[in-house]
């Protein structure tokens, strides 16, 4: 039996990159996958990939920065598959709503654009909270749930120039620990993955700051950035499977050893 057989999973930001890698991995392991992202064509493409490989999936266009769309996404999952067992909060917006960016743009703390602050939080920590609130009644009722949030060691280390991103990612970790403490009694685990993976955001960094990215790779003991499907997929499967039932409130460093924090 596959490790996620008959489980229903929502994966946000699943039209590309890390989200896509996790959605494909969940499909292979037998989950019914709700592929959620802003662009309808990309979520439909990923859902089709899962179905073509013998899995079950639907695509749902969802802007995580819009509360009504978040709750509608969860409702669509429940209407289609009956419940939600797994939630992966992977999506994250950059820039501002009027001028979105593919990744963070260096800006000193004192120059922080407050519109960027608001949008980064709304699509990061706030969106994670909205999804968690939306799935909670279903997970509580069945006394079972797996929530996987995405943060970053950039926030842990206070990487210069990333004020908005660092702050929302550390807020996500605090949210995760709080929910883990409150919801463990209902059989719900809540954990964080901190990745260093080849993504669209990293591609933008490579274009803008190629020397920085190469130096970053030299700081990673594995001497490479991870692959969303080969490296993120298996960890996300483990955190969604019965093998992690006694693990909650933790931060899993998927960084090739870049930061070995106590």
C-alpha atoms as a PDB file:
ATOM      1  CA  UNK A   1       0.000   0.000   0.000  1.00  0.00           C
ATOM      2  CA  UNK A   2       1.291   3.457  -0.877  1.00  0.00           C
ATOM      3  CA  UNK A   3       2.111   5.660   2.115  1.00  0.00           C
ATOM      4  CA  UNK A   4      -0.556   8.297   1.352  1.00  0.00           C
ATOM      5  CA  UNK A   5      -3.232   5.990  -0.046  1.00  0.00           C
ATOM      6  CA  UNK A   6      -6.736   7.509   0.250  1.00  0.00           C
ATOM      7  CA  UNK A   7      -5.433  10.726   1.819  1.00  0.00           C
ATOM      8  CA  UNK A   8      -6.541  14.125   0.486  1.00  0.00           C
ATOM      9  CA  UNK A   9      -3.815  16.772   0.164  1.00  0.00           C
ATOM     10  CA  UNK A  10      -3.901  20.460  -0.704  1.00  0.00           C
ATOM     11  CA  UNK A  11      -0.585  21.837  -1.971  1.00  0.00           C
ATOM     12  CA  UNK A  12      -0.334  25.604  -2.531  1.00  0.00           C
ATOM     13  CA  UNK A  13       2.043  27.215  -4.985  1.00  0.00           C
ATOM     14  CA  UNK A  14       1.910  23.899  -6.817  1.00  0.00           C
ATOM     15  CA  UNK A  15       1.999  25.214 -10.357  1.00  0.00           C
ATOM     16  CA  UNK A  16       5.813  25.106 -10.395  1.00  0.00           C
ATOM     17  CA  UNK A  17       8.919  24.571  -8.296  1.00  0.00           C
ATOM     18  CA  UNK A  18       8.700  23.150  -4.793  1.00  0.00           C
ATOM     19  CA  UNK A  19       4.917  22.915  -4.790  1.00  0.00           C
ATOM     20  CA  UNK A  20       4.870  21.013  -8.065  1.00  0.00           C
ATOM     21  CA  UNK A  21       7.558  18.617  -6.827  1.00  0.00           C
ATOM     22  CA  UNK A  22       5.558  17.877  -3.681  1.00  0.00           C
ATOM     23  CA  UNK A  23       2.264  17.517  -5.550  1.00  0.00           C
ATOM     24  CA  UNK A  24       3.823  14.982  -7.944  1.00  0.00           C
ATOM     25  CA  UNK A  25       5.355  13.050  -5.040  1.00  0.00           C
ATOM     26  CA  UNK A  26       2.013  12.944  -3.232  1.00  0.00           C
ATOM     27  CA  UNK A  27       0.296  11.709  -6.377  1.00  0.00           C
ATOM     28  CA  UNK A  28       2.802   8.870  -6.715  1.00  0.00           C
ATOM     29  CA  UNK A  29       2.183   7.892  -3.094  1.00  0.00           C
ATOM     30  CA  UNK A  30      -1.561   7.561  -3.621  1.00  0.00           C
ATOM     31  CA  UNK A  31      -2.887  10.876  -2.330  1.00  0.00           C
ATOM     32  CA  UNK A  32      -5.768  12.678  -3.984  1.00  0.00           C
ATOM     33  CA  UNK A  33      -4.082  16.001  -4.706  1.00  0.00           C
ATOM     34  CA  UNK A  34      -5.630  19.461  -4.899  1.00  0.00           C
ATOM     35  CA  UNK A  35      -3.086  21.407  -6.950  1.00  0.00           C
ATOM     36  CA  UNK A  36      -3.521  25.067  -5.956  1.00  0.00           C
ATOM     37  CA  UNK A  37      -1.850  28.136  -7.430  1.00  0.00           C
ATOM     38  CA  UNK A  38      -2.804  31.487  -8.954  1.00  0.00           C
ATOM     39  CA  UNK A  39      -2.593  30.500 -12.624  1.00  0.00           C
ATOM     40  CA  UNK A  40      -5.304  28.158 -13.846  1.00  0.00           C
ATOM     41  CA  UNK A  41      -3.280  26.787 -16.765  1.00  0.00           C
ATOM     42  CA  UNK A  42      -0.313  25.753 -14.611  1.00  0.00           C
ATOM     43  CA  UNK A  43      -2.415  23.986 -11.960  1.00  0.00           C
ATOM     44  CA  UNK A  44      -4.292  22.147 -14.680  1.00  0.00           C
ATOM     45  CA  UNK A  45      -0.986  21.072 -16.240  1.00  0.00           C
ATOM     46  CA  UNK A  46       0.347  19.688 -12.936  1.00  0.00           C
ATOM     47  CA  UNK A  47      -2.956  17.974 -12.126  1.00  0.00           C
ATOM     48  CA  UNK A  48      -2.823  16.334 -15.561  1.00  0.00           C
ATOM     49  CA  UNK A  49       0.755  15.166 -14.909  1.00  0.00           C
ATOM     50  CA  UNK A  50      -0.474  13.428 -11.759  1.00  0.00           C
ATOM     51  CA  UNK A  51      -3.450  11.846 -13.525  1.00  0.00           C
ATOM     52  CA  UNK A  52      -1.332  10.739 -16.492  1.00  0.00           C
ATOM     53  CA  UNK A  53       0.965   8.950 -14.033  1.00  0.00           C
ATOM     54  CA  UNK A  54      -2.002   7.027 -12.623  1.00  0.00           C
ATOM     55  CA  UNK A  55      -2.848   9.336  -9.722  1.00  0.00           C
ATOM     56  CA  UNK A  56      -5.874  11.435  -8.858  1.00  0.00           C
ATOM     57  CA  UNK A  57      -5.822  15.233  -8.821  1.00  0.00           C
ATOM     58  CA  UNK A  58      -7.731  18.419  -9.534  1.00  0.00           C
ATOM     59  CA  UNK A  59      -6.396  21.900 -10.226  1.00  0.00           C
ATOM     60  CA  UNK A  60      -7.797  24.882  -8.342  1.00  0.00           C
ATOM     61  CA  UNK A  61      -6.860  28.444  -9.247  1.00  0.00           C
ATOM     62  CA  UNK A  62      -6.301  30.216  -5.928  1.00  0.00           C
ATOM     63  CA  UNK A  63      -4.668  33.521  -5.043  1.00  0.00           C
ATOM     64  CA  UNK A  64      -3.537  32.880  -1.479  1.00  0.00           C
ATOM     65  CA  UNK A  65      -3.545  36.623  -0.843  1.00  0.00           C
ATOM     66  CA  UNK A  66      -7.356  36.617  -1.099  1.00  0.00           C
ATOM     67  CA  UNK A  67      -9.123  35.173   1.932  1.00  0.00           C
ATOM     68  CA  UNK A  68     -12.286  34.194   0.064  1.00  0.00           C
ATOM     69  CA  UNK A  69     -10.272  32.233  -2.494  1.00  0.00           C
ATOM     70  CA  UNK A  70      -8.398  30.365   0.255  1.00  0.00           C
ATOM     71  CA  UNK A  71     -11.604  29.204   1.930  1.00  0.00           C
ATOM     72  CA  UNK A  72     -13.160  28.419  -1.466  1.00  0.00           C
ATOM     73  CA  UNK A  73     -10.149  26.221  -2.301  1.00  0.00           C
ATOM     74  CA  UNK A  74     -10.619  24.187   0.859  1.00  0.00           C
ATOM     75  CA  UNK A  75     -14.358  23.960   0.218  1.00  0.00           C
ATOM     76  CA  UNK A  76     -13.679  22.672  -3.309  1.00  0.00           C
ATOM     77  CA  UNK A  77     -11.371  19.993  -1.887  1.00  0.00           C
ATOM     78  CA  UNK A  78     -14.046  18.894   0.588  1.00  0.00           C
ATOM     79  CA  UNK A  79     -16.801  18.909  -2.037  1.00  0.00           C
ATOM     80  CA  UNK A  80     -14.662  16.804  -4.380  1.00  0.00           C
ATOM     81  CA  UNK A  81     -12.978  14.374  -1.995  1.00  0.00           C
ATOM     82  CA  UNK A  82     -14.933  14.585   1.263  1.00  0.00           C
ATOM     83  CA  UNK A  83     -12.277  16.031   3.579  1.00  0.00           C
ATOM     84  CA  UNK A  84      -8.666  17.243   3.838  1.00  0.00           C
ATOM     85  CA  UNK A  85      -5.947  15.197   5.549  1.00  0.00           C
ATOM     86  CA  UNK A  86      -2.821  17.092   4.434  1.00  0.00           C
ATOM     87  CA  UNK A  87      -2.129  20.783   3.895  1.00  0.00           C
ATOM     88  CA  UNK A  88       1.110  22.136   2.443  1.00  0.00           C
ATOM     89  CA  UNK A  89       1.441  25.922   2.745  1.00  0.00           C
ATOM     90  CA  UNK A  90       4.166  26.537   0.172  1.00  0.00           C
ATOM     91  CA  UNK A  91       2.961  29.616  -1.750  1.00  0.00           C
ATOM     92  CA  UNK A  92       4.631  32.984  -1.080  1.00  0.00           C
ATOM     93  CA  UNK A  93       4.279  36.298  -2.871  1.00  0.00           C
ATOM     94  CA  UNK A  94       7.097  38.827  -3.375  1.00  0.00           C
ATOM     95  CA  UNK A  95       7.071  42.529  -4.111  1.00  0.00           C
ATOM     96  CA  UNK A  96       3.698  44.249  -3.895  1.00  0.00           C
ATOM     97  CA  UNK A  97       0.233  43.382  -5.142  1.00  0.00           C
ATOM     98  CA  UNK A  98       0.520  46.029  -7.874  1.00  0.00           C
ATOM     99  CA  UNK A  99       4.095  45.070  -8.756  1.00  0.00           C
ATOM    100  CA  UNK A 100       4.755  41.409  -7.907  1.00  0.00           C
ATOM    101  CA  UNK A 101       8.333  40.119  -8.159  1.00  0.00           C
ATOM    102  CA  UNK A 102       9.738  36.622  -8.766  1.00  0.00           C
ATOM    103  CA  UNK A 103      11.909  36.827  -5.633  1.00  0.00           C
ATOM    104  CA  UNK A 104      13.043  39.145  -2.873  1.00  0.00           C
ATOM    105  CA  UNK A 105      14.799  42.375  -3.853  1.00  0.00           C
ATOM    106  CA  UNK A 106      17.565  43.685  -1.588  1.00  0.00           C
ATOM    107  CA  UNK A 107      16.374  46.610   0.509  1.00  0.00           C
ATOM    108  CA  UNK A 108      17.829  47.968   3.738  1.00  0.00           C
ATOM    109  CA  UNK A 109      15.626  47.628   6.802  1.00  0.00           C
ATOM    110  CA  UNK A 110      15.206  51.376   7.187  1.00  0.00           C
ATOM    111  CA  UNK A 111      13.997  51.651   3.583  1.00  0.00           C
ATOM    112  CA  UNK A 112      11.401  48.884   3.873  1.00  0.00           C
ATOM    113  CA  UNK A 113       8.456  49.453   1.552  1.00  0.00           C
ATOM    114  CA  UNK A 114       5.370  49.108   3.726  1.00  0.00           C
ATOM    115  CA  UNK A 115       3.261  47.989   0.769  1.00  0.00           C
ATOM    116  CA  UNK A 116       5.742  45.168   0.234  1.00  0.00           C
ATOM    117  CA  UNK A 117       5.594  44.361   3.953  1.00  0.00           C
ATOM    118  CA  UNK A 118       1.796  44.082   3.819  1.00  0.00           C
ATOM    119  CA  UNK A 119       1.729  41.956   0.664  1.00  0.00           C
ATOM    120  CA  UNK A 120       4.545  39.673   1.816  1.00  0.00           C
ATOM    121  CA  UNK A 121       2.765  39.009   5.091  1.00  0.00           C
ATOM    122  CA  UNK A 122      -0.652  38.587   3.469  1.00  0.00           C
ATOM    123  CA  UNK A 123       0.635  35.968   1.025  1.00  0.00           C
ATOM    124  CA  UNK A 124       2.905  34.352   3.639  1.00  0.00           C
ATOM    125  CA  UNK A 125       1.994  34.190   7.310  1.00  0.00           C
ATOM    126  CA  UNK A 126      -1.589  35.397   6.897  1.00  0.00           C
ATOM    127  CA  UNK A 127      -2.338  33.049   3.989  1.00  0.00           C
ATOM    128  CA  UNK A 128      -0.896  30.149   6.003  1.00  0.00           C
ATOM    129  CA  UNK A 129      -3.194  31.043   8.896  1.00  0.00           C
ATOM    130  CA  UNK A 130      -6.225  31.304   6.601  1.00  0.00           C
ATOM    131  CA  UNK A 131      -5.601  27.848   5.136  1.00  0.00           C
ATOM    132  CA  UNK A 132      -4.984  26.368   8.567  1.00  0.00           C
ATOM    133  CA  UNK A 133      -8.229  27.832   9.915  1.00  0.00           C
ATOM    134  CA  UNK A 134     -10.116  26.545   6.873  1.00  0.00           C
ATOM    135  CA  UNK A 135      -8.894  22.938   7.193  1.00  0.00           C
ATOM    136  CA  UNK A 136      -8.973  22.770  10.992  1.00  0.00           C
ATOM    137  CA  UNK A 137     -12.659  21.779  11.436  1.00  0.00           C
ATOM    138  CA  UNK A 138     -12.236  18.862   9.036  1.00  0.00           C
ATOM    139  CA  UNK A 139      -9.008  17.669  10.637  1.00  0.00           C
ATOM    140  CA  UNK A 140     -10.406  18.009  14.143  1.00  0.00           C
ATOM    141  CA  UNK A 141     -13.548  16.055  13.226  1.00  0.00           C
ATOM    142  CA  UNK A 142     -11.511  13.121  11.904  1.00  0.00           C
ATOM    143  CA  UNK A 143      -8.889  13.434  14.688  1.00  0.00           C
ATOM    144  CA  UNK A 144      -6.157  13.479  12.087  1.00  0.00           C
ATOM    145  CA  UNK A 145      -4.247  16.049  10.079  1.00  0.00           C
ATOM    146  CA  UNK A 146      -0.821  16.883   8.688  1.00  0.00           C
ATOM    147  CA  UNK A 147       0.103  20.518   8.125  1.00  0.00           C
ATOM    148  CA  UNK A 148       3.430  21.406   6.521  1.00  0.00           C
ATOM    149  CA  UNK A 149       4.405  25.068   6.375  1.00  0.00           C
ATOM    150  CA  UNK A 150       7.361  26.606   4.559  1.00  0.00           C
ATOM    151  CA  UNK A 151       9.747  29.083   6.173  1.00  0.00           C
ATOM    152  CA  UNK A 152      13.408  29.927   5.548  1.00  0.00           C
ATOM    153  CA  UNK A 153      16.767  30.027   7.281  1.00  0.00           C
ATOM    154  CA  UNK A 154      16.977  33.570   5.869  1.00  0.00           C
ATOM    155  CA  UNK A 155      14.579  34.517   8.639  1.00  0.00           C
ATOM    156  CA  UNK A 156      16.371  32.463  11.273  1.00  0.00           C
ATOM    157  CA  UNK A 157      19.695  34.094  10.441  1.00  0.00           C
ATOM    158  CA  UNK A 158      18.325  37.583   9.748  1.00  0.00           C
ATOM    159  CA  UNK A 159      19.797  37.743   6.249  1.00  0.00           C
ATOM    160  CA  UNK A 160      20.470  41.421   5.379  1.00  0.00           C
ATOM    161  CA  UNK A 161      18.138  43.117   2.918  1.00  0.00           C
ATOM    162  CA  UNK A 162      15.281  40.633   3.419  1.00  0.00           C
ATOM    163  CA  UNK A 163      13.263  42.389   6.117  1.00  0.00           C
ATOM    164  CA  UNK A 164       9.771  41.561   4.802  1.00  0.00           C
ATOM    165  CA  UNK A 165      10.564  37.992   3.783  1.00  0.00           C
ATOM    166  CA  UNK A 166      12.533  37.205   6.943  1.00  0.00           C
ATOM    167  CA  UNK A 167       9.777  38.521   9.147  1.00  0.00           C
ATOM    168  CA  UNK A 168       6.897  36.655   7.531  1.00  0.00           C
ATOM    169  CA  UNK A 169       8.882  33.402   7.486  1.00  0.00           C
ATOM    170  CA  UNK A 170       9.685  33.654  11.198  1.00  0.00           C
ATOM    171  CA  UNK A 171       6.018  34.489  11.839  1.00  0.00           C
ATOM    172  CA  UNK A 172       5.142  31.256  10.037  1.00  0.00           C
ATOM    173  CA  UNK A 173       7.469  29.322  12.344  1.00  0.00           C
ATOM    174  CA  UNK A 174       5.836  30.921  15.406  1.00  0.00           C
ATOM    175  CA  UNK A 175       2.389  30.130  14.004  1.00  0.00           C
ATOM    176  CA  UNK A 176       3.493  26.542  13.438  1.00  0.00           C
ATOM    177  CA  UNK A 177       4.718  26.063  17.007  1.00  0.00           C
ATOM    178  CA  UNK A 178       1.550  27.604  18.431  1.00  0.00           C
ATOM    179  CA  UNK A 179      -0.772  25.428  16.349  1.00  0.00           C
ATOM    180  CA  UNK A 180       1.343  22.348  17.124  1.00  0.00           C
ATOM    181  CA  UNK A 181       0.857  22.978  20.849  1.00  0.00           C
ATOM    182  CA  UNK A 182      -2.865  23.648  20.557  1.00  0.00           C
ATOM    183  CA  UNK A 183      -3.850  21.060  17.949  1.00  0.00           C
ATOM    184  CA  UNK A 184      -1.764  18.044  18.934  1.00  0.00           C
ATOM    185  CA  UNK A 185      -4.628  16.877  21.131  1.00  0.00           C
ATOM    186  CA  UNK A 186      -6.728  16.499  17.968  1.00  0.00           C
ATOM    187  CA  UNK A 187      -4.209  14.289  16.187  1.00  0.00           C
ATOM    188  CA  UNK A 188      -2.961  17.174  14.037  1.00  0.00           C
ATOM    189  CA  UNK A 189       0.772  17.650  13.495  1.00  0.00           C
ATOM    190  CA  UNK A 190       2.197  20.963  12.276  1.00  0.00           C
ATOM    191  CA  UNK A 191       5.773  21.214  11.033  1.00  0.00           C
ATOM    192  CA  UNK A 192       8.028  23.505   8.994  1.00  0.00           C
ATOM    193  CA  UNK A 193      10.419  22.869   6.123  1.00  0.00           C
ATOM    194  CA  UNK A 194      13.248  25.375   5.537  1.00  0.00           C
ATOM    195  CA  UNK A 195      14.529  24.754   2.003  1.00  0.00           C
ATOM    196  CA  UNK A 196      17.519  25.677  -0.118  1.00  0.00           C
ATOM    197  CA  UNK A 197      16.283  24.438  -3.485  1.00  0.00           C
ATOM    198  CA  UNK A 198      16.502  25.355  -7.159  1.00  0.00           C
ATOM    199  CA  UNK A 199      13.310  27.405  -7.618  1.00  0.00           C
ATOM    200  CA  UNK A 200      12.018  30.276  -9.717  1.00  0.00           C
ATOM    201  CA  UNK A 201      13.012  32.622  -6.898  1.00  0.00           C
ATOM    202  CA  UNK A 202      16.564  31.270  -6.903  1.00  0.00           C
ATOM    203  CA  UNK A 203      16.674  31.552 -10.693  1.00  0.00           C
ATOM    204  CA  UNK A 204      15.875  35.254 -10.293  1.00  0.00           C
ATOM    205  CA  UNK A 205      18.649  35.548  -7.696  1.00  0.00           C
ATOM    206  CA  UNK A 206      21.086  33.849 -10.087  1.00  0.00           C
ATOM    207  CA  UNK A 207      20.257  36.383 -12.786  1.00  0.00           C
ATOM    208  CA  UNK A 208      20.518  39.371 -10.461  1.00  0.00           C
ATOM    209  CA  UNK A 209      23.399  38.212  -8.240  1.00  0.00           C
ATOM    210  CA  UNK A 210      25.234  35.257  -9.863  1.00  0.00           C
ATOM    211  CA  UNK A 211      28.350  35.660  -7.697  1.00  0.00           C
ATOM    212  CA  UNK A 212      26.243  35.510  -4.547  1.00  0.00           C
ATOM    213  CA  UNK A 213      24.492  32.302  -5.628  1.00  0.00           C
ATOM    214  CA  UNK A 214      27.777  30.610  -6.514  1.00  0.00           C
ATOM    215  CA  UNK A 215      29.239  31.625  -3.144  1.00  0.00           C
ATOM    216  CA  UNK A 216      26.119  30.271  -1.472  1.00  0.00           C
ATOM    217  CA  UNK A 217      26.634  26.877  -3.070  1.00  0.00           C
ATOM    218  CA  UNK A 218      30.196  26.814  -1.726  1.00  0.00           C
ATOM    219  CA  UNK A 219      28.791  27.264   1.798  1.00  0.00           C
ATOM    220  CA  UNK A 220      26.599  24.182   1.387  1.00  0.00           C
ATOM    221  CA  UNK A 221      28.450  20.991   2.365  1.00  0.00           C
ATOM    222  CA  UNK A 222      26.638  19.132  -0.435  1.00  0.00           C
ATOM    223  CA  UNK A 223      27.881  21.833  -2.867  1.00  0.00           C
ATOM    224  CA  UNK A 224      24.534  22.161  -4.608  1.00  0.00           C
ATOM    225  CA  UNK A 225      21.037  23.511  -4.245  1.00  0.00           C
ATOM    226  CA  UNK A 226      18.398  20.853  -3.793  1.00  0.00           C
ATOM    227  CA  UNK A 227      15.935  19.597  -6.382  1.00  0.00           C
ATOM    228  CA  UNK A 228      12.244  20.307  -5.625  1.00  0.00           C
ATOM    229  CA  UNK A 229      11.070  16.883  -6.736  1.00  0.00           C
ATOM    230  CA  UNK A 230      13.955  14.619  -5.721  1.00  0.00           C
ATOM    231  CA  UNK A 231      14.815  16.340  -2.434  1.00  0.00           C
ATOM    232  CA  UNK A 232      11.670  18.132  -1.236  1.00  0.00           C
ATOM    233  CA  UNK A 233       9.228  15.450  -2.352  1.00  0.00           C
ATOM    234  CA  UNK A 234      10.457  12.626  -0.077  1.00  0.00           C
ATOM    235  CA  UNK A 235      10.640  14.848   3.029  1.00  0.00           C
ATOM    236  CA  UNK A 236       7.155  16.223   2.402  1.00  0.00           C
ATOM    237  CA  UNK A 237       5.874  12.662   1.939  1.00  0.00           C
ATOM    238  CA  UNK A 238       7.447  11.612   5.245  1.00  0.00           C
ATOM    239  CA  UNK A 239       5.929  14.564   7.128  1.00  0.00           C
ATOM    240  CA  UNK A 240       2.533  13.678   5.643  1.00  0.00           C
ATOM    241  CA  UNK A 241       2.785   9.959   6.389  1.00  0.00           C
ATOM    242  CA  UNK A 242       2.203   7.855   9.541  1.00  0.00           C
ATOM    243  CA  UNK A 243       5.961   7.662  10.159  1.00  0.00           C
ATOM    244  CA  UNK A 244       5.909  11.258  11.425  1.00  0.00           C
ATOM    245  CA  UNK A 245       2.846  10.926  13.675  1.00  0.00           C
ATOM    246  CA  UNK A 246       4.856  11.717  16.829  1.00  0.00           C
ATOM    247  CA  UNK A 247       6.704  14.695  15.344  1.00  0.00           C
ATOM    248  CA  UNK A 248       5.197  18.171  15.606  1.00  0.00           C
ATOM    249  CA  UNK A 249       6.273  21.787  16.024  1.00  0.00           C
ATOM    250  CA  UNK A 250       9.630  21.106  14.379  1.00  0.00           C
ATOM    251  CA  UNK A 251      11.675  22.876  11.717  1.00  0.00           C
ATOM    252  CA  UNK A 252      13.271  20.550   9.169  1.00  0.00           C
ATOM    253  CA  UNK A 253      16.346  22.011   7.482  1.00  0.00           C
ATOM    254  CA  UNK A 254      16.302  20.896   3.839  1.00  0.00           C
ATOM    255  CA  UNK A 255      19.489  22.777   2.993  1.00  0.00           C
ATOM    256  CA  UNK A 256      22.245  20.253   2.334  1.00  0.00           C
ATOM    257  CA  UNK A 257      23.788  21.137   5.693  1.00  0.00           C
ATOM    258  CA  UNK A 258      24.136  24.870   4.970  1.00  0.00           C
ATOM    259  CA  UNK A 259      23.085  25.764   8.522  1.00  0.00           C
ATOM    260  CA  UNK A 260      23.722  23.317  11.359  1.00  0.00           C
ATOM    261  CA  UNK A 261      21.868  25.209  14.073  1.00  0.00           C
ATOM    262  CA  UNK A 262      21.642  23.916  17.666  1.00  0.00           C
END
